[in-house]
PDB file of all heavy atoms in Angstrom:
ATOM      1  N   ASP A   1      64.587   1.257  13.211  1.00  0.00           N
ATOM      2  CA  ASP A   1      63.389   0.956  13.952  1.00  0.00           C
ATOM      3  C   ASP A   1      62.293   0.364  13.079  1.00  0.00           C
ATOM      4  O   ASP A   1      61.531  -0.488  13.524  1.00  0.00           O
ATOM      5  CB  ASP A   1      62.854   2.264  14.638  1.00  0.00           C
ATOM      6  CG  ASP A   1      63.780   2.765  15.715  1.00  0.00           C
ATOM      7  OD1 ASP A   1      64.507   1.918  16.288  1.00  0.00           O
ATOM      8  OD2 ASP A   1      63.729   3.972  16.046  1.00  0.00           O
ATOM      9  N   VAL A   2      62.249   0.760  11.837  1.00  0.00           N
ATOM     10  CA  VAL A   2      61.235   0.242  10.902  1.00  0.00           C
ATOM     11  C   VAL A   2      61.488  -1.233  10.591  1.00  0.00           C
ATOM     12  O   VAL A   2      60.567  -2.057  10.732  1.00  0.00           O
ATOM     13  CB  VAL A   2      61.218   1.042   9.608  1.00  0.00           C
ATOM     14  CG1 VAL A   2      60.140   0.524   8.647  1.00  0.00           C
ATOM     15  CG2 VAL A   2      60.990   2.504   9.889  1.00  0.00           C
ATOM     16  N   ILE A   3      62.713  -1.543  10.207  1.00  0.00           N
ATOM     17  CA  ILE A   3      62.987  -2.958   9.866  1.00  0.00           C
ATOM     18  C   ILE A   3      62.878  -3.855  11.092  1.00  0.00           C
ATOM     19  O   ILE A   3      62.354  -4.963  11.038  1.00  0.00           O
ATOM     20  CB  ILE A   3      64.403  -3.093   9.180  1.00  0.00           C
ATOM     21  CG1 ILE A   3      64.497  -4.497   8.587  1.00  0.00           C
ATOM     22  CG2 ILE A   3      65.531  -2.806  10.140  1.00  0.00           C
ATOM     23  CD1 ILE A   3      65.781  -4.650   7.711  1.00  0.00           C
ATOM     24  N   ASP A   4      63.315  -3.355  12.213  1.00  0.00           N
ATOM     25  CA  ASP A   4      63.204  -4.188  13.441  1.00  0.00           C
ATOM     26  C   ASP A   4      61.779  -4.538  13.751  1.00  0.00           C
ATOM     27  O   ASP A   4      61.423  -5.702  14.081  1.00  0.00           O
ATOM     28  CB  ASP A   4      63.812  -3.478  14.611  1.00  0.00           C
ATOM     29  CG  ASP A   4      65.376  -3.521  14.619  1.00  0.00           C
ATOM     30  OD1 ASP A   4      65.917  -4.204  13.740  1.00  0.00           O
ATOM     31  OD2 ASP A   4      65.976  -2.850  15.481  1.00  0.00           O
ATOM     32  N   GLN A   5      60.876  -3.552  13.610  1.00  0.00           N
ATOM     33  CA  GLN A   5      59.447  -3.771  13.961  1.00  0.00           C
ATOM     34  C   GLN A   5      58.818  -4.733  12.948  1.00  0.00           C
ATOM     35  O   GLN A   5      58.089  -5.657  13.305  1.00  0.00           O
ATOM     36  CB  GLN A   5      58.663  -2.455  14.032  1.00  0.00           C
ATOM     37  CG  GLN A   5      57.210  -2.680  14.468  1.00  0.00           C
ATOM     38  CD  GLN A   5      56.553  -1.325  14.817  1.00  0.00           C
ATOM     39  OE1 GLN A   5      57.222  -0.382  15.214  1.00  0.00           O
ATOM     40  NE2 GLN A   5      55.214  -1.344  14.641  1.00  0.00           N
ATOM     41  N   LEU A   6      59.086  -4.466  11.658  1.00  0.00           N
ATOM     42  CA  LEU A   6      58.435  -5.315  10.634  1.00  0.00           C
ATOM     43  C   LEU A   6      58.930  -6.761  10.682  1.00  0.00           C
ATOM     44  O   LEU A   6      58.139  -7.708  10.549  1.00  0.00           O
ATOM     45  CB  LEU A   6      58.671  -4.694   9.242  1.00  0.00           C
ATOM     46  CG  LEU A   6      57.995  -3.355   8.975  1.00  0.00           C
ATOM     47  CD1 LEU A   6      58.383  -2.811   7.590  1.00  0.00           C
ATOM     48  CD2 LEU A   6      56.507  -3.425   9.182  1.00  0.00           C
ATOM     49  N   VAL A   7      60.221  -6.940  10.845  1.00  0.00           N
ATOM     50  CA  VAL A   7      60.777  -8.286  10.912  1.00  0.00           C
ATOM     51  C   VAL A   7      60.234  -9.009  12.108  1.00  0.00           C
ATOM     52  O   VAL A   7      59.870 -10.215  12.064  1.00  0.00           O
ATOM     53  CB  VAL A   7      62.329  -8.274  10.929  1.00  0.00           C
ATOM     54  CG1 VAL A   7      62.860  -9.661  11.271  1.00  0.00           C
ATOM     55  CG2 VAL A   7      62.805  -7.830   9.512  1.00  0.00           C
ATOM     56  N   ALA A   8      60.118  -8.308  13.233  1.00  0.00           N
ATOM     57  CA  ALA A   8      59.589  -8.904  14.480  1.00  0.00           C
ATOM     58  C   ALA A   8      58.138  -9.329  14.272  1.00  0.00           C
ATOM     59  O   ALA A   8      57.666 -10.337  14.909  1.00  0.00           O
ATOM     60  CB  ALA A   8      59.666  -7.943  15.617  1.00  0.00           C
ATOM     61  N   GLU A   9      57.400  -8.681  13.363  1.00  0.00           N
ATOM     62  CA  GLU A   9      55.996  -8.987  13.107  1.00  0.00           C
ATOM     63  C   GLU A   9      55.852 -10.140  12.037  1.00  0.00           C
ATOM     64  O   GLU A   9      54.779 -10.513  11.694  1.00  0.00           O
ATOM     65  CB  GLU A   9      55.240  -7.748  12.627  1.00  0.00           C
ATOM     66  CG  GLU A   9      55.147  -6.671  13.671  1.00  0.00           C
ATOM     67  CD  GLU A   9      54.561  -5.389  13.031  1.00  0.00           C
ATOM     68  OE1 GLU A   9      54.439  -5.305  11.809  1.00  0.00           O
ATOM     69  OE2 GLU A   9      54.283  -4.415  13.868  1.00  0.00           O
ATOM     70  N   GLY A  10      56.986 -10.541  11.501  1.00  0.00           N
ATOM     71  CA  GLY A  10      56.977 -11.612  10.496  1.00  0.00           C
ATOM     72  C   GLY A  10      56.784 -11.129   9.077  1.00  0.00           C
ATOM     73  O   GLY A  10      56.477 -11.929   8.151  1.00  0.00           O
ATOM     74  N   VAL A  11      56.965  -9.847   8.855  1.00  0.00           N
ATOM     75  CA  VAL A  11      56.802  -9.252   7.493  1.00  0.00           C
ATOM     76  C   VAL A  11      58.030  -9.570   6.680  1.00  0.00           C
ATOM     77  O   VAL A  11      59.167  -9.477   7.164  1.00  0.00           O
ATOM     78  CB  VAL A  11      56.605  -7.715   7.561  1.00  0.00           C
ATOM     79  CG1 VAL A  11      56.606  -7.120   6.160  1.00  0.00           C
ATOM     80  CG2 VAL A  11      55.342  -7.388   8.326  1.00  0.00           C
ATOM     81  N   THR A  12      57.857  -9.956   5.421  1.00  0.00           N
ATOM     82  CA  THR A  12      58.988 -10.230   4.531  1.00  0.00           C
ATOM     83  C   THR A  12      59.521  -8.878   4.051  1.00  0.00           C
ATOM     84  O   THR A  12      58.766  -8.137   3.357  1.00  0.00           O
ATOM     85  CB  THR A  12      58.565 -11.136   3.346  1.00  0.00           C
ATOM     86  OG1 THR A  12      58.096 -12.366   3.842  1.00  0.00           O
ATOM     87  CG2 THR A  12      59.762 -11.302   2.442  1.00  0.00           C
ATOM     88  N   VAL A  13      60.741  -8.589   4.329  1.00  0.00           N
ATOM     89  CA  VAL A  13      61.300  -7.260   4.086  1.00  0.00           C
ATOM     90  C   VAL A  13      62.401  -7.292   3.002  1.00  0.00           C
ATOM     91  O   VAL A  13      63.268  -8.199   3.061  1.00  0.00           O
ATOM     92  CB  VAL A  13      61.845  -6.605   5.372  1.00  0.00           C
ATOM     93  CG1 VAL A  13      62.589  -5.312   5.077  1.00  0.00           C
ATOM     94  CG2 VAL A  13      60.714  -6.338   6.352  1.00  0.00           C
ATOM     95  N   SER A  14      62.382  -6.369   2.114  1.00  0.00           N
ATOM     96  CA  SER A  14      63.474  -6.093   1.162  1.00  0.00           C
ATOM     97  C   SER A  14      64.037  -4.713   1.496  1.00  0.00           C
ATOM     98  O   SER A  14      63.278  -3.809   1.927  1.00  0.00           O
ATOM     99  CB  SER A  14      62.944  -6.128  -0.265  1.00  0.00           C
ATOM    100  OG  SER A  14      63.955  -5.733  -1.155  1.00  0.00           O
ATOM    101  N   VAL A  15      65.305  -4.541   1.294  1.00  0.00           N
ATOM    102  CA  VAL A  15      65.934  -3.220   1.515  1.00  0.00           C
ATOM    103  C   VAL A  15      66.613  -2.793   0.199  1.00  0.00           C
ATOM    104  O   VAL A  15      67.397  -3.561  -0.348  1.00  0.00           O
ATOM    105  CB  VAL A  15      66.932  -3.210   2.668  1.00  0.00           C
ATOM    106  CG1 VAL A  15      67.749  -1.909   2.702  1.00  0.00           C
ATOM    107  CG2 VAL A  15      66.225  -3.374   3.984  1.00  0.00           C
ATOM    108  N   ASP A  16      66.233  -1.609  -0.260  1.00  0.00           N
ATOM    109  CA  ASP A  16      66.721  -1.069  -1.495  1.00  0.00           C
ATOM    110  C   ASP A  16      67.888  -0.110  -1.232  1.00  0.00           C
ATOM    111  O   ASP A  16      67.681   1.050  -0.876  1.00  0.00           O
ATOM    112  CB  ASP A  16      65.570  -0.332  -2.181  1.00  0.00           C
ATOM    113  CG  ASP A  16      65.978   0.397  -3.470  1.00  0.00           C
ATOM    114  OD1 ASP A  16      67.109   0.185  -3.940  1.00  0.00           O
ATOM    115  OD2 ASP A  16      65.114   1.108  -4.038  1.00  0.00           O
ATOM    116  N   SER A  17      69.128  -0.583  -1.396  1.00  0.00           N
ATOM    117  CA  SER A  17      70.295   0.250  -1.181  1.00  0.00           C
ATOM    118  C   SER A  17      71.490  -0.369  -1.893  1.00  0.00           C
ATOM    119  O   SER A  17      71.627  -1.620  -1.946  1.00  0.00           O
ATOM    120  CB  SER A  17      70.616   0.405   0.298  1.00  0.00           C
ATOM    121  OG  SER A  17      71.869   1.119   0.504  1.00  0.00           O
ATOM    122  N   TYR A  18      72.361   0.438  -2.450  1.00  0.00           N
ATOM    123  CA  TYR A  18      73.571  -0.097  -3.093  1.00  0.00           C
ATOM    124  C   TYR A  18      74.810   0.128  -2.131  1.00  0.00           C
ATOM    125  O   TYR A  18      75.922  -0.248  -2.511  1.00  0.00           O
ATOM    126  CB  TYR A  18      73.860   0.632  -4.456  1.00  0.00           C
ATOM    127  CG  TYR A  18      74.042   2.132  -4.387  1.00  0.00           C
ATOM    128  CD1 TYR A  18      75.258   2.676  -4.061  1.00  0.00           C
ATOM    129  CD2 TYR A  18      73.000   2.999  -4.640  1.00  0.00           C
ATOM    130  CE1 TYR A  18      75.462   4.057  -4.051  1.00  0.00           C
ATOM    131  CE2 TYR A  18      73.116   4.339  -4.635  1.00  0.00           C
ATOM    132  CZ  TYR A  18      74.362   4.918  -4.352  1.00  0.00           C
ATOM    133  OH  TYR A  18      74.530   6.251  -4.326  1.00  0.00           O
ATOM    134  N   ARG A  19      74.586   0.631  -0.958  1.00  0.00           N
ATOM    135  CA  ARG A  19      75.680   0.884  -0.038  1.00  0.00           C
ATOM    136  C   ARG A  19      76.004  -0.357   0.817  1.00  0.00           C
ATOM    137  O   ARG A  19      75.080  -1.010   1.358  1.00  0.00           O
ATOM    138  CB  ARG A  19      75.315   2.048   0.875  1.00  0.00           C
ATOM    139  CG  ARG A  19      75.212   3.368   0.110  1.00  0.00           C
ATOM    140  CD  ARG A  19      74.954   4.533   1.078  1.00  0.00           C
ATOM    141  NE  ARG A  19      74.893   5.791   0.401  1.00  0.00           N
ATOM    142  CZ  ARG A  19      75.947   6.506   0.034  1.00  0.00           C
ATOM    143  NH1 ARG A  19      77.152   6.086   0.355  1.00  0.00           N
ATOM    144  NH2 ARG A  19      75.808   7.650  -0.557  1.00  0.00           N
ATOM    145  N   ALA A  20      77.266  -0.679   0.896  1.00  0.00           N
ATOM    146  CA  ALA A  20      77.701  -1.911   1.514  1.00  0.00           C
ATOM    147  C   ALA A  20      77.286  -1.975   2.964  1.00  0.00           C
ATOM    148  O   ALA A  20      76.766  -3.004   3.478  1.00  0.00           O
ATOM    149  CB  ALA A  20      79.222  -2.004   1.387  1.00  0.00           C
ATOM    150  N   ALA A  21      77.507  -0.896   3.743  1.00  0.00           N
ATOM    151  CA  ALA A  21      77.173  -0.920   5.204  1.00  0.00           C
ATOM    152  C   ALA A  21      75.669  -1.077   5.399  1.00  0.00           C
ATOM    153  O   ALA A  21      75.230  -1.764   6.325  1.00  0.00           O
ATOM    154  CB  ALA A  21      77.680   0.369   5.870  1.00  0.00           C
ATOM    155  N   THR A  22      74.846  -0.429   4.524  1.00  0.00           N
ATOM    156  CA  THR A  22      73.414  -0.579   4.646  1.00  0.00           C
ATOM    157  C   THR A  22      72.964  -2.026   4.350  1.00  0.00           C
ATOM    158  O   THR A  22      72.110  -2.598   5.068  1.00  0.00           O
ATOM    159  CB  THR A  22      72.717   0.379   3.704  1.00  0.00           C
ATOM    160  OG1 THR A  22      73.197   1.732   3.967  1.00  0.00           O
ATOM    161  CG2 THR A  22      71.190   0.372   3.922  1.00  0.00           C
ATOM    162  N   GLN A  23      73.564  -2.612   3.305  1.00  0.00           N
ATOM    163  CA  GLN A  23      73.175  -4.002   3.007  1.00  0.00           C
ATOM    164  C   GLN A  23      73.631  -4.957   4.127  1.00  0.00           C
ATOM    165  O   GLN A  23      72.901  -5.827   4.485  1.00  0.00           O
ATOM    166  CB  GLN A  23      73.902  -4.378   1.691  1.00  0.00           C
ATOM    167  CG  GLN A  23      73.357  -3.712   0.459  1.00  0.00           C
ATOM    168  CD  GLN A  23      74.128  -4.097  -0.802  1.00  0.00           C
ATOM    169  OE1 GLN A  23      74.983  -4.924  -0.776  1.00  0.00           O
ATOM    170  NE2 GLN A  23      73.722  -3.514  -1.920  1.00  0.00           N
ATOM    171  N   ARG A  24      74.799  -4.697   4.658  1.00  0.00           N
ATOM    172  CA  ARG A  24      75.290  -5.528   5.780  1.00  0.00           C
ATOM    173  C   ARG A  24      74.366  -5.428   6.982  1.00  0.00           C
ATOM    174  O   ARG A  24      73.978  -6.424   7.560  1.00  0.00           O
ATOM    175  CB  ARG A  24      76.686  -5.085   6.142  1.00  0.00           C
ATOM    176  CG  ARG A  24      77.531  -6.038   6.930  1.00  0.00           C
ATOM    177  CD  ARG A  24      78.940  -5.539   7.052  1.00  0.00           C
ATOM    178  NE  ARG A  24      79.629  -5.546   5.786  1.00  0.00           N
ATOM    179  CZ  ARG A  24      80.207  -4.496   5.212  1.00  0.00           C
ATOM    180  NH1 ARG A  24      80.147  -3.324   5.774  1.00  0.00           N
ATOM    181  NH2 ARG A  24      80.817  -4.628   4.074  1.00  0.00           N
ATOM    182  N   PHE A  25      73.925  -4.186   7.258  1.00  0.00           N
ATOM    183  CA  PHE A  25      73.024  -3.959   8.385  1.00  0.00           C
ATOM    184  C   PHE A  25      71.701  -4.639   8.135  1.00  0.00           C
ATOM    185  O   PHE A  25      71.123  -5.355   9.023  1.00  0.00           O
ATOM    186  CB  PHE A  25      72.786  -2.457   8.559  1.00  0.00           C
ATOM    187  CG  PHE A  25      71.642  -2.083   9.432  1.00  0.00           C
ATOM    188  CD1 PHE A  25      71.711  -2.047  10.808  1.00  0.00           C
ATOM    189  CD2 PHE A  25      70.365  -1.809   8.838  1.00  0.00           C
ATOM    190  CE1 PHE A  25      70.624  -1.764  11.608  1.00  0.00           C
ATOM    191  CE2 PHE A  25      69.302  -1.488   9.605  1.00  0.00           C
ATOM    192  CZ  PHE A  25      69.420  -1.474  10.986  1.00  0.00           C
ATOM    193  N   ALA A  26      71.124  -4.501   6.906  1.00  0.00           N
ATOM    194  CA  ALA A  26      69.848  -5.085   6.589  1.00  0.00           C
ATOM    195  C   ALA A  26      69.850  -6.629   6.701  1.00  0.00           C
ATOM    196  O   ALA A  26      68.955  -7.232   7.216  1.00  0.00           O
ATOM    197  CB  ALA A  26      69.431  -4.693   5.202  1.00  0.00           C
ATOM    198  N   ALA A  27      70.966  -7.230   6.203  1.00  0.00           N
ATOM    199  CA  ALA A  27      71.091  -8.675   6.305  1.00  0.00           C
ATOM    200  C   ALA A  27      71.106  -9.141   7.750  1.00  0.00           C
ATOM    201  O   ALA A  27      70.468 -10.145   8.111  1.00  0.00           O
ATOM    202  CB  ALA A  27      72.354  -9.121   5.517  1.00  0.00           C
ATOM    203  N   ALA A  28      71.848  -8.432   8.543  1.00  0.00           N
ATOM    204  CA  ALA A  28      72.004  -8.813   9.995  1.00  0.00           C
ATOM    205  C   ALA A  28      70.658  -8.592  10.710  1.00  0.00           C
ATOM    206  O   ALA A  28      70.410  -9.279  11.727  1.00  0.00           O
ATOM    207  CB  ALA A  28      73.091  -7.969  10.616  1.00  0.00           C
ATOM    208  N   ARG A  29      69.839  -7.694  10.236  1.00  0.00           N
ATOM    209  CA  ARG A  29      68.568  -7.332  10.918  1.00  0.00           C
ATOM    210  C   ARG A  29      67.406  -8.170  10.430  1.00  0.00           C
ATOM    211  O   ARG A  29      66.290  -8.001  10.819  1.00  0.00           O
ATOM    212  CB  ARG A  29      68.309  -5.903  10.614  1.00  0.00           C
ATOM    213  CG  ARG A  29      68.170  -4.928  11.820  1.00  0.00           C
ATOM    214  CD  ARG A  29      69.057  -5.180  13.020  1.00  0.00           C
ATOM    215  NE  ARG A  29      68.714  -4.274  14.055  1.00  0.00           N
ATOM    216  CZ  ARG A  29      69.594  -3.542  14.774  1.00  0.00           C
ATOM    217  NH1 ARG A  29      70.837  -3.677  14.507  1.00  0.00           N
ATOM    218  NH2 ARG A  29      69.197  -2.770  15.727  1.00  0.00           N
ATOM    219  N   GLY A  30      67.648  -9.124   9.489  1.00  0.00           N
ATOM    220  CA  GLY A  30      66.587  -9.974   9.090  1.00  0.00           C
ATOM    221  C   GLY A  30      65.915  -9.752   7.752  1.00  0.00           C
ATOM    222  O   GLY A  30      64.865 -10.307   7.472  1.00  0.00           O
ATOM    223  N   ALA A  31      66.493  -8.855   6.934  1.00  0.00           N
ATOM    224  CA  ALA A  31      65.899  -8.645   5.604  1.00  0.00           C
ATOM    225  C   ALA A  31      65.956  -9.956   4.789  1.00  0.00           C
ATOM    226  O   ALA A  31      66.982 -10.674   4.875  1.00  0.00           O
ATOM    227  CB  ALA A  31      66.629  -7.520   4.902  1.00  0.00           C
TER     228      ALA A  31
END
């Protein structure tokens, strides 16, 4: 919910995770 809201607002988002599924999710969600 956090990344979806921030990306929708045009915020440049980075996600800090070494887990493959989390990185995959973040990339698909606009990080």
